[in-house]
Amino acid sequence: MSLFNKIDKFAKEEIAKTGLPQIYNYDIANSKAEELARSLGGANVDLAKCGTALMDIKLGEAVSKGMQPQHVKMSAEYAKKALIKLKVDEKTTELLLNCVLAHHGQVPYQSLEAEIAANADCYRFISERGVFTTYRFALELGKNHNEALDFVQFKLDEKYKILSLEKAKKDLSDLYKQLSSIISKAHID
């Protein structure tokens, strides 16, 4: 069994507990990580997918505790324990922890796989489904319509700034502009 298959099992068990990240979003990040890794060459596809599987592994728990901003730290702590349990070597563990810690663009990438994981995550948000999923999530957090739209735009902007791979930029730049334009027109005075 590949390392990704083992981590995927852990991640899906966590998702089943809270429903977050939504399985659709989880699958998109994994498939885009594979697609980007294959298109770039030189990247380890399995490790790039492991990075996307681990990056939000504790998002649901963080949200349920009102600690969403800490989900990256919580995910990294959980990932480290899971990787030790799986007897993953130290070098691979450090690479995967960097995937988790760097996926919001606040920590430098230490590998191509970490950059791929962060870019793959952007496809979850810079999409029609991503916009509406994020909007619904914001409403569930108690935000009103305009606040929810502002939250969606914040996430779109955050993810757009993370785009660093040419393929991801090419795939998502026009869509980002279109979605941003729609959101700006959807506010209620």
Protein backbone atom coordinates (compact mmCIF):
# COMPACT_ATOMS: atom_id res chain seq x y z
CA MET A 1 0.00 0.00 0.00
CA SER A 2 1.41 3.41 -0.98
CA LEU A 3 2.04 6.10 1.60
CA PHE A 4 -0.73 8.17 0.02
CA ASN A 5 -3.23 5.33 0.44
CA LYS A 6 -2.33 5.07 4.13
CA ILE A 7 -2.59 8.83 4.69
CA ASP A 8 -5.76 9.00 2.62
CA LYS A 9 -7.33 6.50 5.03
CA PHE A 10 -6.38 8.66 8.04
CA ALA A 11 -7.66 11.80 6.33
CA LYS A 12 -11.00 10.27 5.35
CA GLU A 13 -11.50 9.03 8.91
CA GLU A 14 -11.03 12.61 10.13
CA ILE A 15 -13.36 13.98 7.44
CA ALA A 16 -16.03 11.46 8.48
CA LYS A 17 -15.96 12.87 12.03
CA THR A 18 -16.73 16.47 11.06
CA GLY A 19 -17.53 16.67 7.35
CA LEU A 20 -14.62 19.03 6.75
CA PRO A 21 -12.99 19.52 4.46
CA GLN A 22 -15.83 18.43 2.24
CA ILE A 23 -14.89 15.22 0.46
CA TYR A 24 -15.42 16.89 -2.93
CA ASN A 25 -12.88 19.59 -2.04
CA TYR A 26 -10.50 17.03 -0.59
CA ASP A 27 -10.65 14.98 -3.79
CA ILE A 28 -10.12 18.04 -6.00
CA ALA A 29 -6.93 19.00 -4.15
CA ASN A 30 -5.59 15.45 -4.44
CA SER A 31 -6.38 15.12 -8.14
CA LYS A 32 -4.94 18.55 -8.93
CA ALA A 33 -1.78 17.72 -6.95
CA GLU A 34 -1.36 14.61 -9.08
CA GLU A 35 -2.06 16.52 -12.29
CA LEU A 36 0.38 19.32 -11.42
CA ALA A 37 3.10 16.91 -10.26
CA ARG A 38 2.84 14.87 -13.46
CA SER A 39 2.81 17.97 -15.70
CA LEU A 40 5.90 19.46 -14.02
CA GLY A 41 8.00 16.35 -13.88
CA GLY A 42 10.66 16.00 -11.22
CA ALA A 43 8.10 15.95 -8.41
CA ASN A 44 7.12 12.91 -6.38
CA VAL A 45 3.42 12.48 -7.22
CA ASP A 46 2.69 10.35 -4.15
CA LEU A 47 4.26 12.91 -1.78
CA ALA A 48 2.47 15.84 -3.43
CA LYS A 49 -0.84 14.02 -2.90
CA CYS A 50 0.15 13.17 0.68
CA GLY A 51 0.70 16.88 1.24
CA THR A 52 -2.80 17.76 0.06
CA ALA A 53 -4.30 14.94 2.13
CA LEU A 54 -2.63 16.21 5.30
CA MET A 55 -2.91 19.99 4.90
CA ASP A 56 -6.46 20.32 6.27
CA ILE A 57 -6.71 17.07 8.20
CA LYS A 58 -7.78 18.92 11.36
CA LEU A 59 -9.84 21.66 9.70
CA GLY A 60 -13.12 20.15 10.88
CA GLU A 61 -11.99 19.88 14.47
CA ALA A 62 -10.61 23.42 14.40
CA VAL A 63 -13.89 24.81 13.03
CA SER A 64 -15.97 22.87 15.57
CA LYS A 65 -13.88 24.40 18.37
CA GLY A 66 -14.02 27.93 16.92
CA MET A 67 -10.31 27.72 16.14
CA GLN A 68 -10.32 27.79 12.34
CA PRO A 69 -7.24 30.06 12.11
CA GLN A 70 -5.27 27.40 14.04
CA HIS A 71 -6.19 24.56 11.66
CA VAL A 72 -2.78 24.62 9.97
CA LYS A 73 -0.93 24.19 13.27
CA MET A 74 -3.43 21.54 14.44
CA SER A 75 -3.10 19.69 11.12
CA ALA A 76 0.70 19.76 11.32
CA GLU A 77 0.69 18.40 14.87
CA TYR A 78 -1.71 15.61 13.92
CA ALA A 79 0.22 14.86 10.72
CA LYS A 80 3.47 14.51 12.65
CA LYS A 81 1.89 11.95 15.00
CA ALA A 82 0.33 10.06 12.09
CA LEU A 83 3.63 9.96 10.18
CA ILE A 84 5.47 8.67 13.24
CA LYS A 85 2.81 5.99 13.65
CA LEU A 86 3.26 5.04 9.99
CA LYS A 87 7.06 4.89 10.53
CA VAL A 88 7.75 7.47 7.84
CA ASP A 89 11.40 8.50 7.66
CA GLU A 90 12.48 11.88 9.05
CA LYS A 91 13.24 13.49 5.67
CA THR A 92 9.84 12.59 4.23
CA THR A 93 8.12 13.65 7.45
CA GLU A 94 9.77 17.09 7.26
CA LEU A 95 8.80 17.44 3.60
CA LEU A 96 5.16 16.58 4.36
CA LEU A 97 4.99 18.84 7.41
CA ASN A 98 6.21 21.68 5.20
CA CYS A 99 3.38 20.88 2.77
CA VAL A 100 0.93 21.41 5.63
CA LEU A 101 2.59 24.49 7.11
CA ALA A 102 3.19 26.22 3.74
CA HIS A 103 -0.20 25.71 2.09
CA HIS A 104 -1.47 29.18 3.10
CA GLY A 105 1.63 30.89 1.76
CA GLN A 106 2.88 32.01 5.18
CA VAL A 107 5.84 29.62 5.31
CA PRO A 108 8.35 29.16 2.45
CA TYR A 109 8.18 26.01 0.37
CA GLN A 110 11.03 23.62 1.05
CA SER A 111 10.17 21.33 -1.85
CA LEU A 112 8.42 21.26 -5.17
CA GLU A 113 5.83 18.95 -3.57
CA ALA A 114 4.93 21.64 -1.00
CA GLU A 115 4.50 24.20 -3.77
CA ILE A 116 2.35 21.75 -5.71
CA ALA A 117 0.17 21.04 -2.66
CA ALA A 118 -0.40 24.76 -2.02
CA ASN A 119 -1.27 25.40 -5.67
CA ALA A 120 -3.55 22.35 -5.80
CA ASP A 121 -5.44 23.71 -2.80
CA CYS A 122 -6.24 26.85 -4.80
CA TYR A 123 -8.39 24.87 -7.24
CA ARG A 124 -10.79 24.12 -4.37
CA PHE A 125 -11.57 27.79 -3.87
CA ILE A 126 -11.09 29.38 -7.27
CA SER A 127 -14.01 27.56 -8.84
CA GLU A 128 -17.74 28.06 -9.13
CA ARG A 129 -18.41 25.27 -6.67
CA GLY A 130 -15.70 26.56 -4.35
CA VAL A 131 -17.29 30.01 -4.24
CA PHE A 132 -20.72 28.67 -3.33
CA THR A 133 -19.35 26.15 -0.86
CA THR A 134 -17.35 28.89 0.84
CA TYR A 135 -20.37 31.21 0.82
CA ARG A 136 -22.53 28.55 2.48
CA PHE A 137 -19.81 27.83 5.02
CA ALA A 138 -19.60 31.55 5.87
CA LEU A 139 -23.37 31.66 6.42
CA GLU A 140 -23.10 28.63 8.70
CA LEU A 141 -20.50 30.56 10.72
CA GLY A 142 -23.18 33.22 11.32
CA LYS A 143 -22.12 35.79 8.74
CA ASN A 144 -24.78 37.81 6.92
CA HIS A 145 -24.97 37.92 3.11
CA ASN A 146 -22.47 40.75 2.57
CA GLU A 147 -20.08 39.42 5.21
CA ALA A 148 -20.24 35.98 3.57
CA LEU A 149 -19.43 37.53 0.19
CA ASP A 150 -16.51 39.40 1.75
CA PHE A 151 -15.28 36.11 3.23
CA VAL A 152 -15.52 34.42 -0.17
CA GLN A 153 -13.55 37.27 -1.75
CA PHE A 154 -10.97 37.04 1.02
CA LYS A 155 -10.48 33.31 0.30
CA LEU A 156 -10.31 33.93 -3.45
CA ASP A 157 -7.69 36.66 -2.95
CA GLU A 158 -5.73 34.53 -0.49
CA LYS A 159 -5.58 31.59 -2.88
CA TYR A 160 -4.89 33.73 -5.95
CA LYS A 161 -1.83 35.22 -4.22
CA ILE A 162 -0.55 31.70 -3.51
CA LEU A 163 -0.57 30.67 -7.17
CA SER A 164 3.05 30.24 -8.15
CA LEU A 165 3.04 27.48 -10.76
CA GLU A 166 2.49 28.63 -14.36
CA LYS A 167 -0.03 25.88 -15.10
CA ALA A 168 -2.12 26.78 -12.05
CA LYS A 169 -1.95 30.49 -12.90
CA LYS A 170 -3.03 29.75 -16.47
CA ASP A 171 -5.88 27.52 -15.31
CA LEU A 172 -7.22 29.87 -12.65
CA SER A 173 -6.42 33.53 -13.43
CA ASP A 174 -9.36 34.28 -15.74
CA LEU A 175 -11.77 32.38 -13.51
CA TYR A 176 -10.53 34.31 -10.46
CA LYS A 177 -11.26 37.61 -12.23
CA GLN A 178 -14.74 36.46 -13.34
CA LEU A 179 -15.70 35.18 -9.90
CA SER A 180 -14.38 38.33 -8.20
CA SER A 181 -16.44 40.47 -10.56
CA ILE A 182 -19.61 38.50 -9.79
CA ILE A 183 -19.02 38.70 -6.05
CA SER A 184 -18.49 42.47 -6.17
CA LYS A 185 -21.87 42.85 -7.92
CA ALA A 186 -23.72 40.55 -5.51
CA HIS A 187 -23.53 42.75 -2.41
CA ILE A 188 -26.83 44.09 -1.11
CA ASP A 189 -26.93 47.78 -0.12
